[in-house]
Amino acid sequence: FVTSRENWKWRHARSDAEKAVRRQERRVKEIIFQSEEDRKI
């Protein structure tokens, strides 16, 4: 049995983790895009 507060904390932590993952993915995409742009020159 999980209290609603524990559940809220868990959901909150999970959404923070998902945000971090998305930020990481965006950074990786930007780096890949940048290196592709560099190769064109």
N, C-alpha and C. Protein backbone atom coordinates (compact mmCIF):
# COMPACT_ATOMS: atom_id res chain seq x y z
N PHE A 1 0.85 -1.21 0.00
CA PHE A 1 0.00 0.00 0.00
C PHE A 1 0.88 1.25 0.00
N VAL A 2 0.58 2.15 -0.91
CA VAL A 2 1.38 3.38 -1.02
C VAL A 2 0.50 4.58 -0.69
N THR A 3 0.99 5.46 0.15
CA THR A 3 0.22 6.67 0.46
C THR A 3 0.22 7.60 -0.75
N SER A 4 -0.77 8.45 -0.82
CA SER A 4 -0.88 9.34 -1.98
C SER A 4 0.33 10.28 -2.07
N ARG A 5 0.89 10.64 -0.91
CA ARG A 5 2.03 11.53 -0.93
C ARG A 5 3.26 10.83 -1.51
N GLU A 6 3.46 9.57 -1.10
CA GLU A 6 4.57 8.79 -1.65
C GLU A 6 4.38 8.64 -3.16
N ASN A 7 3.14 8.37 -3.56
CA ASN A 7 2.83 8.20 -4.97
C ASN A 7 3.14 9.48 -5.74
N TRP A 8 2.77 10.64 -5.16
CA TRP A 8 3.03 11.92 -5.80
C TRP A 8 4.54 12.15 -5.95
N LYS A 9 5.27 11.83 -4.89
CA LYS A 9 6.73 12.00 -4.93
C LYS A 9 7.34 11.14 -6.03
N TRP A 10 6.85 9.89 -6.11
CA TRP A 10 7.38 8.96 -7.11
C TRP A 10 7.08 9.47 -8.52
N ARG A 11 5.84 9.91 -8.75
CA ARG A 11 5.46 10.43 -10.07
C ARG A 11 6.28 11.67 -10.41
N HIS A 12 6.49 12.51 -9.40
CA HIS A 12 7.24 13.75 -9.60
C HIS A 12 8.69 13.42 -9.99
N ALA A 13 9.27 12.46 -9.28
CA ALA A 13 10.65 12.05 -9.58
C ALA A 13 10.73 11.46 -10.99
N ARG A 14 9.71 10.70 -11.36
CA ARG A 14 9.72 10.07 -12.68
C ARG A 14 9.63 11.13 -13.77
N SER A 15 8.78 12.14 -13.59
CA SER A 15 8.65 13.17 -14.61
C SER A 15 9.94 13.98 -14.71
N ASP A 16 10.62 14.21 -13.59
CA ASP A 16 11.91 14.90 -13.62
C ASP A 16 12.92 14.09 -14.42
N ALA A 17 12.91 12.78 -14.22
CA ALA A 17 13.83 11.91 -14.95
C ALA A 17 13.53 11.95 -16.44
N GLU A 18 12.25 11.94 -16.79
CA GLU A 18 11.87 12.00 -18.20
C GLU A 18 12.30 13.31 -18.83
N LYS A 19 12.17 14.40 -18.08
CA LYS A 19 12.61 15.71 -18.57
C LYS A 19 14.11 15.71 -18.82
N ALA A 20 14.86 15.11 -17.90
CA ALA A 20 16.31 15.04 -18.05
C ALA A 20 16.68 14.23 -19.30
N VAL A 21 15.96 13.14 -19.52
CA VAL A 21 16.23 12.31 -20.70
C VAL A 21 15.96 13.10 -21.97
N ARG A 22 14.84 13.82 -22.00
CA ARG A 22 14.52 14.61 -23.20
C ARG A 22 15.57 15.68 -23.45
N ARG A 23 16.04 16.31 -22.38
CA ARG A 23 17.07 17.34 -22.51
C ARG A 23 18.34 16.73 -23.09
N GLN A 24 18.68 15.53 -22.60
CA GLN A 24 19.86 14.82 -23.08
C GLN A 24 19.73 14.50 -24.56
N GLU A 25 18.55 14.00 -24.96
CA GLU A 25 18.32 13.64 -26.36
C GLU A 25 18.44 14.87 -27.26
N ARG A 26 17.90 16.00 -26.79
CA ARG A 26 17.95 17.22 -27.58
C ARG A 26 19.40 17.66 -27.76
N ARG A 27 20.20 17.55 -26.71
CA ARG A 27 21.60 17.93 -26.77
C ARG A 27 22.34 17.04 -27.77
N VAL A 28 22.05 15.75 -27.72
CA VAL A 28 22.70 14.81 -28.65
C VAL A 28 22.34 15.17 -30.09
N LYS A 29 21.05 15.46 -30.33
CA LYS A 29 20.63 15.84 -31.68
C LYS A 29 21.34 17.09 -32.15
N GLU A 30 21.48 18.06 -31.26
CA GLU A 30 22.16 19.31 -31.61
C GLU A 30 23.62 19.04 -31.96
N ILE A 31 24.27 18.18 -31.20
CA ILE A 31 25.68 17.85 -31.46
C ILE A 31 25.81 17.15 -32.81
N ILE A 32 24.91 16.20 -33.09
CA ILE A 32 24.94 15.49 -34.37
C ILE A 32 24.71 16.47 -35.51
N PHE A 33 23.73 17.35 -35.37
CA PHE A 33 23.43 18.35 -36.39
C PHE A 33 24.65 19.23 -36.64
N GLN A 34 25.28 19.66 -35.55
CA GLN A 34 26.46 20.52 -35.65
C GLN A 34 27.59 19.83 -36.40
N SER A 35 27.83 18.56 -36.10
CA SER A 35 28.92 17.84 -36.76
C SER A 35 28.60 17.62 -38.24
N GLU A 36 27.32 17.44 -38.57
CA GLU A 36 26.94 17.29 -39.97
C GLU A 36 27.15 18.61 -40.71
N GLU A 37 26.82 19.71 -40.07
CA GLU A 37 27.04 21.02 -40.67
C GLU A 37 28.54 21.25 -40.90
N ASP A 38 29.35 20.85 -39.96
CA ASP A 38 30.80 21.02 -40.09
C ASP A 38 31.34 20.21 -41.25
N ARG A 39 30.78 19.04 -41.49
CA ARG A 39 31.26 18.19 -42.57
C ARG A 39 30.97 18.78 -43.95
N LYS A 40 29.88 19.55 -44.05
CA LYS A 40 29.50 20.14 -45.35
C LYS A 40 30.55 21.14 -45.83
N ILE A 41 31.14 21.84 -44.88
CA ILE A 41 32.10 22.90 -45.23
C ILE A 41 33.39 22.31 -45.77
